[in-house]
Amino acid sequence: MRDGKPGRRDASPPKVQAGAPVPVAQVAAAAAGIGVHQVLNHTTRAVHAAAFWRDGLVALPEDVGRHNALDKLSGALLRAGEAPATGFLVMTSRISVELVQKAAVLGVGMIVAVSAPTALAIRVADAAGITLVGIARSDGFEVFTHSGRIDFGEELEQGPARRSATVSSS
């Protein structure tokens, strides 16, 4: 319900606090490394994963539904007493507005995904202060919002290819 009118979703999640910049090498490692940890997907080729990355893989549940995978990850992080603001999400799916909203409620400042975000996901992530990294492949990735959360350092010159479609400043 939005503005008292039933049937309209409120796409305005809470604002995420800015954390320390994440080295571009960590973003590239997370994008490249998620697949090898997908045990169920190796068997079925039919499930999504939602991973939490902080200087390496912390948790990675799998599910047929991408939303379910993120819900499982959220529960696991909260049960384990993890601080979601200290790492970032890695998804094996496109980034929808609902995934952005869930990340914002968790307090996660960055989502990295192998596919692209929807236009609404980009707008909502921008408003929430979330960095969206999509189309993450071995040859690079695209940053759609809040690129200032990624420390590109020397990588701009020689590291993983940076293909940037940044639509907002830091």
N, C-alpha and C. Protein backbone atom coordinates (compact mmCIF):
# COMPACT_ATOMS: atom_id res chain seq x y z
N MET A 1 0.84 -1.17 0.00
CA MET A 1 0.00 0.00 0.00
C MET A 1 0.88 1.24 0.00
N ARG A 2 0.55 2.18 -0.84
CA ARG A 2 1.30 3.42 -0.94
C ARG A 2 0.31 4.58 -0.97
N ASP A 3 0.57 5.58 -0.19
CA ASP A 3 -0.33 6.74 -0.11
C ASP A 3 -1.76 6.33 0.19
N GLY A 4 -1.91 5.23 0.94
CA GLY A 4 -3.24 4.78 1.32
C GLY A 4 -4.02 4.12 0.20
N LYS A 5 -3.38 3.90 -0.95
CA LYS A 5 -4.07 3.31 -2.09
C LYS A 5 -3.66 1.85 -2.23
N PRO A 6 -4.59 0.92 -2.08
CA PRO A 6 -4.22 -0.49 -2.21
C PRO A 6 -3.80 -0.82 -3.64
N GLY A 7 -2.97 -1.85 -3.74
CA GLY A 7 -2.56 -2.32 -5.05
C GLY A 7 -1.32 -1.66 -5.62
N ARG A 8 -0.78 -0.65 -4.96
CA ARG A 8 0.44 0.01 -5.44
C ARG A 8 1.57 -0.34 -4.50
N ARG A 9 2.64 -0.87 -5.04
CA ARG A 9 3.79 -1.22 -4.22
C ARG A 9 4.61 0.02 -3.90
N ASP A 10 5.11 0.04 -2.68
CA ASP A 10 6.02 1.11 -2.29
C ASP A 10 7.42 0.65 -2.64
N ALA A 11 8.02 1.26 -3.63
CA ALA A 11 9.34 0.86 -4.09
C ALA A 11 10.45 1.66 -3.43
N SER A 12 10.15 2.35 -2.33
CA SER A 12 11.14 3.19 -1.66
C SER A 12 11.71 2.50 -0.44
N PRO A 13 12.84 1.81 -0.59
CA PRO A 13 13.45 1.13 0.55
C PRO A 13 14.24 2.13 1.40
N PRO A 14 14.71 1.68 2.56
CA PRO A 14 15.53 2.57 3.39
C PRO A 14 16.85 2.91 2.71
N LYS A 15 17.43 4.04 3.07
CA LYS A 15 18.72 4.47 2.55
C LYS A 15 19.82 3.66 3.22
N VAL A 16 20.76 3.15 2.44
CA VAL A 16 21.88 2.36 2.95
C VAL A 16 23.04 3.29 3.25
N GLN A 17 23.72 3.05 4.36
CA GLN A 17 24.87 3.86 4.73
C GLN A 17 26.08 3.47 3.88
N ALA A 18 26.87 4.45 3.51
CA ALA A 18 28.09 4.19 2.73
C ALA A 18 29.12 3.54 3.62
N GLY A 19 29.77 2.52 3.11
CA GLY A 19 30.84 1.85 3.84
C GLY A 19 32.16 2.09 3.16
N ALA A 20 33.16 1.36 3.58
CA ALA A 20 34.48 1.47 2.97
C ALA A 20 34.41 0.97 1.53
N PRO A 21 35.16 1.61 0.62
CA PRO A 21 35.18 1.15 -0.77
C PRO A 21 35.69 -0.29 -0.88
N VAL A 22 35.10 -1.03 -1.79
CA VAL A 22 35.48 -2.42 -2.03
C VAL A 22 36.47 -2.44 -3.19
N PRO A 23 37.64 -3.07 -3.01
CA PRO A 23 38.59 -3.15 -4.13
C PRO A 23 37.97 -3.86 -5.34
N VAL A 24 38.26 -3.36 -6.51
CA VAL A 24 37.72 -3.94 -7.73
C VAL A 24 38.10 -5.42 -7.85
N ALA A 25 39.25 -5.79 -7.33
CA ALA A 25 39.66 -7.20 -7.38
C ALA A 25 38.71 -8.09 -6.59
N GLN A 26 38.15 -7.58 -5.49
CA GLN A 26 37.18 -8.36 -4.71
C GLN A 26 35.88 -8.56 -5.50
N VAL A 27 35.45 -7.50 -6.18
CA VAL A 27 34.24 -7.60 -7.00
C VAL A 27 34.45 -8.63 -8.10
N ALA A 28 35.59 -8.56 -8.77
CA ALA A 28 35.89 -9.51 -9.85
C ALA A 28 36.01 -10.93 -9.32
N ALA A 29 36.66 -11.10 -8.17
CA ALA A 29 36.82 -12.44 -7.58
C ALA A 29 35.47 -13.03 -7.19
N ALA A 30 34.60 -12.21 -6.64
CA ALA A 30 33.27 -12.69 -6.24
C ALA A 30 32.47 -13.13 -7.46
N ALA A 31 32.49 -12.30 -8.50
CA ALA A 31 31.75 -12.63 -9.72
C ALA A 31 32.29 -13.91 -10.36
N ALA A 32 33.59 -14.05 -10.36
CA ALA A 32 34.20 -15.23 -10.97
C ALA A 32 34.08 -16.47 -10.09
N GLY A 33 34.03 -16.29 -8.78
CA GLY A 33 34.10 -17.41 -7.86
C GLY A 33 32.80 -18.04 -7.44
N ILE A 34 31.69 -17.37 -7.68
CA ILE A 34 30.42 -17.90 -7.18
C ILE A 34 30.05 -19.25 -7.80
N GLY A 35 30.30 -19.41 -9.08
CA GLY A 35 29.89 -20.63 -9.79
C GLY A 35 30.50 -21.90 -9.24
N VAL A 36 31.74 -21.86 -8.84
CA VAL A 36 32.39 -23.07 -8.34
C VAL A 36 31.82 -23.54 -7.01
N HIS A 37 31.12 -22.67 -6.31
CA HIS A 37 30.54 -23.02 -5.01
C HIS A 37 29.08 -23.45 -5.11
N GLN A 38 28.54 -23.47 -6.30
CA GLN A 38 27.14 -23.86 -6.50
C GLN A 38 27.02 -25.37 -6.68
N VAL A 39 27.02 -26.08 -5.60
CA VAL A 39 26.98 -27.55 -5.63
C VAL A 39 25.70 -28.06 -6.28
N LEU A 40 24.56 -27.55 -5.86
CA LEU A 40 23.29 -28.01 -6.41
C LEU A 40 23.16 -27.65 -7.89
N ASN A 41 23.62 -26.48 -8.25
CA ASN A 41 23.53 -26.08 -9.66
C ASN A 41 24.43 -26.94 -10.55
N HIS A 42 25.53 -27.43 -10.02
CA HIS A 42 26.40 -28.31 -10.81
C HIS A 42 25.65 -29.58 -11.20
N THR A 43 24.73 -30.02 -10.34
CA THR A 43 23.95 -31.22 -10.62
C THR A 43 22.75 -30.93 -11.49
N THR A 44 22.03 -29.86 -11.16
CA THR A 44 20.75 -29.61 -11.82
C THR A 44 20.79 -28.60 -12.96
N ARG A 45 21.74 -27.67 -12.92
CA ARG A 45 21.80 -26.56 -13.88
C ARG A 45 20.49 -25.76 -13.88
N ALA A 46 19.81 -25.73 -12.73
CA ALA A 46 18.49 -25.11 -12.71
C ALA A 46 18.21 -24.30 -11.45
N VAL A 47 19.25 -23.86 -10.74
CA VAL A 47 19.00 -23.10 -9.52
C VAL A 47 19.83 -21.83 -9.49
N HIS A 48 19.35 -20.89 -8.70
CA HIS A 48 20.04 -19.62 -8.48
C HIS A 48 20.79 -19.68 -7.16
N ALA A 49 21.76 -18.81 -7.03
CA ALA A 49 22.47 -18.66 -5.77
C ALA A 49 22.44 -17.20 -5.37
N ALA A 50 22.45 -16.99 -4.05
CA ALA A 50 22.62 -15.66 -3.47
C ALA A 50 23.77 -15.81 -2.48
N ALA A 51 24.86 -15.12 -2.72
CA ALA A 51 26.04 -15.26 -1.87
C ALA A 51 26.32 -13.97 -1.12
N PHE A 52 26.96 -14.12 0.02
CA PHE A 52 27.45 -12.98 0.78
C PHE A 52 28.96 -13.05 0.75
N TRP A 53 29.59 -11.98 0.30
CA TRP A 53 31.03 -11.94 0.09
C TRP A 53 31.64 -10.85 0.97
N ARG A 54 32.64 -11.22 1.75
CA ARG A 54 33.41 -10.27 2.54
C ARG A 54 34.82 -10.83 2.62
N ASP A 55 35.70 -10.30 1.79
CA ASP A 55 37.07 -10.84 1.70
C ASP A 55 37.05 -12.34 1.41
N GLY A 56 36.06 -12.79 0.71
CA GLY A 56 35.87 -14.19 0.39
C GLY A 56 34.43 -14.59 0.65
N LEU A 57 34.07 -15.78 0.25
CA LEU A 57 32.71 -16.28 0.39
C LEU A 57 32.39 -16.54 1.86
N VAL A 58 31.27 -16.00 2.32
CA VAL A 58 30.82 -16.22 3.70
C VAL A 58 29.67 -17.22 3.71
N ALA A 59 28.72 -17.07 2.80
CA ALA A 59 27.55 -17.96 2.75
C ALA A 59 27.00 -17.98 1.33
N LEU A 60 26.40 -19.13 0.95
CA LEU A 60 25.84 -19.26 -0.40
C LEU A 60 24.73 -20.29 -0.41
N PRO A 61 23.49 -19.89 -0.19
CA PRO A 61 22.37 -20.81 -0.38
C PRO A 61 21.91 -20.82 -1.84
N GLU A 62 21.32 -21.92 -2.24
CA GLU A 62 20.79 -22.05 -3.60
C GLU A 62 19.30 -22.37 -3.53
N ASP A 63 18.59 -21.99 -4.56
CA ASP A 63 17.16 -22.29 -4.64
C ASP A 63 16.71 -22.11 -6.09
N VAL A 64 15.61 -22.74 -6.43
CA VAL A 64 15.04 -22.58 -7.77
C VAL A 64 14.66 -21.13 -8.00
N GLY A 65 14.22 -20.46 -6.97
CA GLY A 65 13.82 -19.06 -7.09
C GLY A 65 14.91 -18.13 -6.58
N ARG A 66 15.21 -17.09 -7.34
CA ARG A 66 16.25 -16.13 -6.93
C ARG A 66 15.85 -15.39 -5.67
N HIS A 67 14.55 -15.10 -5.54
CA HIS A 67 14.07 -14.42 -4.33
C HIS A 67 14.21 -15.34 -3.12
N ASN A 68 13.90 -16.61 -3.31
CA ASN A 68 14.04 -17.58 -2.21
C ASN A 68 15.50 -17.72 -1.80
N ALA A 69 16.40 -17.72 -2.78
CA ALA A 69 17.83 -17.83 -2.45
C ALA A 69 18.27 -16.65 -1.59
N LEU A 70 17.80 -15.44 -1.94
CA LEU A 70 18.17 -14.27 -1.14
C LEU A 70 17.52 -14.32 0.24
N ASP A 71 16.28 -14.78 0.31
CA ASP A 71 15.63 -14.93 1.62
C ASP A 71 16.39 -15.91 2.50
N LYS A 72 16.83 -17.03 1.93
CA LYS A 72 17.62 -18.00 2.69
C LYS A 72 18.92 -17.39 3.17
N LEU A 73 19.56 -16.61 2.31
CA LEU A 73 20.82 -15.95 2.68
C LEU A 73 20.59 -14.95 3.81
N SER A 74 19.53 -14.17 3.69
CA SER A 74 19.21 -13.18 4.73
C SER A 74 19.03 -13.85 6.08
N GLY A 75 18.27 -14.92 6.11
CA GLY A 75 18.05 -15.65 7.35
C GLY A 75 19.34 -16.23 7.92
N ALA A 76 20.16 -16.79 7.04
CA ALA A 76 21.43 -17.38 7.49
C ALA A 76 22.35 -16.31 8.08
N LEU A 77 22.41 -15.15 7.44
CA LEU A 77 23.27 -14.07 7.95
C LEU A 77 22.79 -13.57 9.31
N LEU A 78 21.49 -13.38 9.43
CA LEU A 78 20.95 -12.88 10.69
C LEU A 78 21.10 -13.90 11.81
N ARG A 79 20.85 -15.19 11.51
CA ARG A 79 21.02 -16.24 12.53
C ARG A 79 22.47 -16.34 12.99
N ALA A 80 23.40 -16.12 12.07
CA ALA A 80 24.83 -16.23 12.39
C ALA A 80 25.38 -14.95 13.03
N GLY A 81 24.56 -13.92 13.12
CA GLY A 81 25.01 -12.67 13.72
C GLY A 81 25.94 -11.86 12.82
N GLU A 82 25.89 -12.14 11.53
CA GLU A 82 26.72 -11.42 10.58
C GLU A 82 26.19 -9.99 10.40
N ALA A 83 27.07 -9.08 10.10
CA ALA A 83 26.68 -7.69 9.82
C ALA A 83 26.65 -7.52 8.30
N PRO A 84 25.46 -7.52 7.69
CA PRO A 84 25.36 -7.43 6.24
C PRO A 84 26.04 -6.21 5.63
N ALA A 85 26.16 -5.13 6.38
CA ALA A 85 26.80 -3.92 5.85
C ALA A 85 28.30 -4.10 5.63
N THR A 86 28.87 -5.18 6.14
CA THR A 86 30.32 -5.39 6.02
C THR A 86 30.73 -6.15 4.77
N GLY A 87 29.77 -6.52 3.93
CA GLY A 87 30.09 -7.26 2.72
C GLY A 87 29.12 -6.88 1.62
N PHE A 88 29.01 -7.72 0.60
CA PHE A 88 28.09 -7.44 -0.49
C PHE A 88 27.46 -8.72 -1.00
N LEU A 89 26.35 -8.56 -1.73
CA LEU A 89 25.63 -9.70 -2.29
C LEU A 89 26.16 -10.03 -3.67
N VAL A 90 26.15 -11.32 -3.99
CA VAL A 90 26.48 -11.78 -5.33
C VAL A 90 25.33 -12.68 -5.76
N MET A 91 24.70 -12.35 -6.88
CA MET A 91 23.53 -13.08 -7.35
C MET A 91 23.80 -13.70 -8.72
N THR A 92 23.19 -14.86 -8.94
CA THR A 92 23.34 -15.52 -10.25
C THR A 92 22.09 -15.27 -11.11
N SER A 93 21.54 -14.10 -10.97
CA SER A 93 20.31 -13.78 -11.69
C SER A 93 20.33 -12.31 -12.08
N ARG A 94 19.26 -11.89 -12.74
CA ARG A 94 19.11 -10.46 -12.98
C ARG A 94 18.75 -9.80 -11.66
N ILE A 95 18.88 -8.49 -11.61
CA ILE A 95 18.59 -7.75 -10.39
C ILE A 95 17.24 -7.06 -10.56
N SER A 96 16.25 -7.53 -9.81
CA SER A 96 14.92 -6.93 -9.85
C SER A 96 14.77 -5.92 -8.72
N VAL A 97 13.74 -5.12 -8.79
CA VAL A 97 13.50 -4.13 -7.75
C VAL A 97 13.29 -4.80 -6.39
N GLU A 98 12.65 -5.95 -6.38
CA GLU A 98 12.41 -6.64 -5.10
C GLU A 98 13.71 -7.07 -4.44
N LEU A 99 14.68 -7.50 -5.24
CA LEU A 99 15.98 -7.88 -4.68
C LEU A 99 16.70 -6.65 -4.12
N VAL A 100 16.57 -5.53 -4.79
CA VAL A 100 17.16 -4.28 -4.30
C VAL A 100 16.50 -3.88 -2.97
N GLN A 101 15.18 -3.99 -2.91
CA GLN A 101 14.47 -3.64 -1.67
C GLN A 101 14.92 -4.54 -0.51
N LYS A 102 15.05 -5.82 -0.76
CA LYS A 102 15.50 -6.75 0.29
C LYS A 102 16.92 -6.43 0.73
N ALA A 103 17.79 -6.09 -0.20
CA ALA A 103 19.16 -5.72 0.13
C ALA A 103 19.18 -4.46 1.00
N ALA A 104 18.34 -3.51 0.67
CA ALA A 104 18.28 -2.26 1.44
C ALA A 104 17.81 -2.52 2.86
N VAL A 105 16.80 -3.35 3.01
CA VAL A 105 16.30 -3.67 4.35
C VAL A 105 17.40 -4.37 5.17
N LEU A 106 18.17 -5.21 4.52
CA LEU A 106 19.30 -5.88 5.19
C LEU A 106 20.42 -4.91 5.54
N GLY A 107 20.53 -3.84 4.77
CA GLY A 107 21.61 -2.88 4.98
C GLY A 107 22.84 -3.16 4.14
N VAL A 108 22.67 -3.96 3.08
CA VAL A 108 23.77 -4.29 2.18
C VAL A 108 23.92 -3.17 1.16
N GLY A 109 25.14 -2.69 0.96
CA GLY A 109 25.36 -1.55 0.09
C GLY A 109 25.70 -1.86 -1.35
N MET A 110 25.90 -3.14 -1.69
CA MET A 110 26.26 -3.45 -3.07
C MET A 110 25.71 -4.82 -3.46
N ILE A 111 25.22 -4.88 -4.70
CA ILE A 111 24.77 -6.14 -5.29
C ILE A 111 25.55 -6.34 -6.57
N VAL A 112 26.16 -7.51 -6.71
CA VAL A 112 26.88 -7.90 -7.92
C VAL A 112 26.10 -9.06 -8.53
N ALA A 113 25.81 -8.99 -9.82
CA ALA A 113 25.04 -10.05 -10.47
C ALA A 113 25.59 -10.36 -11.85
N VAL A 114 25.34 -11.59 -12.28
CA VAL A 114 25.81 -12.02 -13.59
C VAL A 114 24.96 -11.45 -14.71
N SER A 115 23.78 -10.98 -14.38
CA SER A 115 22.89 -10.43 -15.39
C SER A 115 22.65 -8.95 -15.10
N ALA A 116 21.80 -8.34 -15.86
CA ALA A 116 21.57 -6.90 -15.76
C ALA A 116 20.44 -6.57 -14.80
N PRO A 117 20.43 -5.36 -14.27
CA PRO A 117 19.30 -4.93 -13.45
C PRO A 117 18.17 -4.40 -14.33
N THR A 118 16.97 -4.41 -13.79
CA THR A 118 15.86 -3.78 -14.50
C THR A 118 15.97 -2.27 -14.31
N ALA A 119 15.26 -1.53 -15.14
CA ALA A 119 15.28 -0.07 -15.05
C ALA A 119 14.77 0.42 -13.69
N LEU A 120 13.72 -0.21 -13.19
CA LEU A 120 13.19 0.18 -11.88
C LEU A 120 14.18 -0.17 -10.77
N ALA A 121 14.86 -1.29 -10.89
CA ALA A 121 15.88 -1.66 -9.89
C ALA A 121 16.98 -0.60 -9.85
N ILE A 122 17.37 -0.09 -10.99
CA ILE A 122 18.41 0.95 -11.05
C ILE A 122 17.93 2.21 -10.33
N ARG A 123 16.71 2.64 -10.61
CA ARG A 123 16.19 3.85 -9.97
C ARG A 123 16.08 3.70 -8.45
N VAL A 124 15.58 2.55 -8.01
CA VAL A 124 15.41 2.33 -6.57
C VAL A 124 16.76 2.18 -5.89
N ALA A 125 17.70 1.48 -6.51
CA ALA A 125 19.03 1.35 -5.94
C ALA A 125 19.71 2.71 -5.82
N ASP A 126 19.55 3.51 -6.83
CA ASP A 126 20.14 4.85 -6.80
C ASP A 126 19.59 5.64 -5.61
N ALA A 127 18.27 5.61 -5.44
CA ALA A 127 17.63 6.34 -4.33
C ALA A 127 18.05 5.78 -2.97
N ALA A 128 18.29 4.47 -2.90
CA ALA A 128 18.65 3.82 -1.63
C ALA A 128 20.14 3.88 -1.33
N GLY A 129 20.95 4.35 -2.28
CA GLY A 129 22.39 4.41 -2.06
C GLY A 129 23.10 3.09 -2.27
N ILE A 130 22.48 2.19 -3.03
CA ILE A 130 23.06 0.86 -3.28
C ILE A 130 23.81 0.86 -4.60
N THR A 131 24.99 0.28 -4.59
CA THR A 131 25.78 0.09 -5.80
C THR A 131 25.28 -1.15 -6.53
N LEU A 132 24.92 -1.00 -7.80
CA LEU A 132 24.51 -2.14 -8.62
C LEU A 132 25.60 -2.44 -9.63
N VAL A 133 26.08 -3.66 -9.58
CA VAL A 133 27.06 -4.14 -10.54
C VAL A 133 26.41 -5.29 -11.28
N GLY A 134 26.31 -5.15 -12.59
CA GLY A 134 25.66 -6.19 -13.37
C GLY A 134 26.53 -6.66 -14.51
N ILE A 135 26.02 -7.68 -15.18
CA ILE A 135 26.70 -8.27 -16.33
C ILE A 135 28.15 -8.61 -15.94
N ALA A 136 28.29 -9.15 -14.74
CA ALA A 136 29.61 -9.49 -14.21
C ALA A 136 30.10 -10.79 -14.85
N ARG A 137 31.16 -10.66 -15.60
CA ARG A 137 31.76 -11.80 -16.32
C ARG A 137 33.26 -11.80 -16.08
N SER A 138 33.93 -12.77 -16.63
CA SER A 138 35.38 -12.86 -16.45
C SER A 138 36.12 -11.70 -17.10
N ASP A 139 35.49 -11.05 -18.09
CA ASP A 139 36.15 -9.93 -18.77
C ASP A 139 35.77 -8.57 -18.19
N GLY A 140 34.99 -8.55 -17.13
CA GLY A 140 34.64 -7.29 -16.51
C GLY A 140 33.19 -7.24 -16.07
N PHE A 141 32.73 -6.04 -15.79
CA PHE A 141 31.37 -5.84 -15.32
C PHE A 141 30.95 -4.41 -15.58
N GLU A 142 29.66 -4.14 -15.40
CA GLU A 142 29.14 -2.79 -15.58
C GLU A 142 28.62 -2.30 -14.23
N VAL A 143 28.94 -1.05 -13.91
CA VAL A 143 28.47 -0.42 -12.69
C VAL A 143 27.34 0.53 -13.08
N PHE A 144 26.16 0.30 -12.50
CA PHE A 144 24.98 1.07 -12.87
C PHE A 144 24.69 2.21 -11.90
N THR A 145 25.02 2.06 -10.64
CA THR A 145 24.76 3.11 -9.65
C THR A 145 25.89 3.16 -8.63
N HIS A 146 26.14 4.33 -8.10
CA HIS A 146 27.05 4.55 -6.97
C HIS A 146 28.41 3.87 -7.14
N SER A 147 29.09 4.20 -8.22
CA SER A 147 30.39 3.60 -8.53
C SER A 147 31.46 3.96 -7.50
N GLY A 148 31.24 4.99 -6.71
CA GLY A 148 32.22 5.39 -5.70
C GLY A 148 32.45 4.36 -4.61
N ARG A 149 31.55 3.37 -4.50
CA ARG A 149 31.73 2.32 -3.50
C ARG A 149 32.78 1.30 -3.94
N ILE A 150 33.20 1.37 -5.21
CA ILE A 150 34.22 0.44 -5.72
C ILE A 150 35.53 1.20 -5.89
N ASP A 151 36.59 0.64 -5.32
CA ASP A 151 37.94 1.23 -5.44
C ASP A 151 38.59 0.62 -6.68
N PHE A 152 38.62 1.40 -7.76
CA PHE A 152 39.19 0.90 -9.00
C PHE A 152 40.71 0.99 -9.02
N GLY A 153 41.29 1.90 -8.25
CA GLY A 153 42.74 2.02 -8.15
C GLY A 153 43.44 1.82 -9.46
N GLU A 154 44.45 0.98 -9.45
CA GLU A 154 45.25 0.69 -10.65
C GLU A 154 44.47 -0.12 -11.68
N GLU A 155 43.38 -0.75 -11.26
CA GLU A 155 42.63 -1.63 -12.17
C GLU A 155 42.06 -0.89 -13.37
N LEU A 156 41.86 0.42 -13.25
CA LEU A 156 41.36 1.16 -14.40
C LEU A 156 42.32 1.03 -15.59
N GLU A 157 43.58 0.91 -15.28
CA GLU A 157 44.58 0.83 -16.32
C GLU A 157 44.77 -0.59 -16.85
N GLN A 158 44.72 -1.61 -15.93
CA GLN A 158 45.18 -2.92 -16.36
C GLN A 158 44.40 -4.11 -15.84
N GLY A 159 43.52 -3.95 -14.89
CA GLY A 159 42.84 -5.09 -14.27
C GLY A 159 41.63 -5.55 -15.04
N PRO A 160 40.65 -6.13 -14.33
CA PRO A 160 39.45 -6.59 -15.01
C PRO A 160 38.84 -5.43 -15.80
N ALA A 161 38.46 -5.71 -17.01
CA ALA A 161 37.93 -4.66 -17.87
C ALA A 161 36.79 -3.94 -17.19
N ARG A 162 36.86 -2.66 -17.16
CA ARG A 162 35.78 -1.88 -16.56
C ARG A 162 34.93 -1.32 -17.69
N ARG A 163 33.73 -1.84 -17.78
CA ARG A 163 32.77 -1.31 -18.73
C ARG A 163 31.73 -0.62 -17.87
N SER A 164 31.71 0.66 -17.85
CA SER A 164 30.87 1.37 -16.90
C SER A 164 29.68 2.02 -17.57
N ALA A 165 28.51 1.78 -16.97
CA ALA A 165 27.29 2.44 -17.41
C ALA A 165 26.75 3.20 -16.21
N THR A 166 27.61 3.91 -15.51
CA THR A 166 27.23 4.60 -14.29
C THR A 166 26.18 5.65 -14.58
N VAL A 167 25.10 5.61 -13.80
CA VAL A 167 24.03 6.57 -14.00
C VAL A 167 23.91 7.56 -12.83
N SER A 168 24.75 7.41 -11.82
CA SER A 168 24.72 8.37 -10.71
C SER A 168 26.11 8.55 -10.18
N SER A 169 26.32 9.66 -9.52
CA SER A 169 27.62 9.89 -8.92
C SER A 169 27.67 9.23 -7.58
N SER A 170 28.88 8.83 -7.17
CA SER A 170 29.13 8.14 -5.91
C SER A 170 27.88 7.84 -5.21
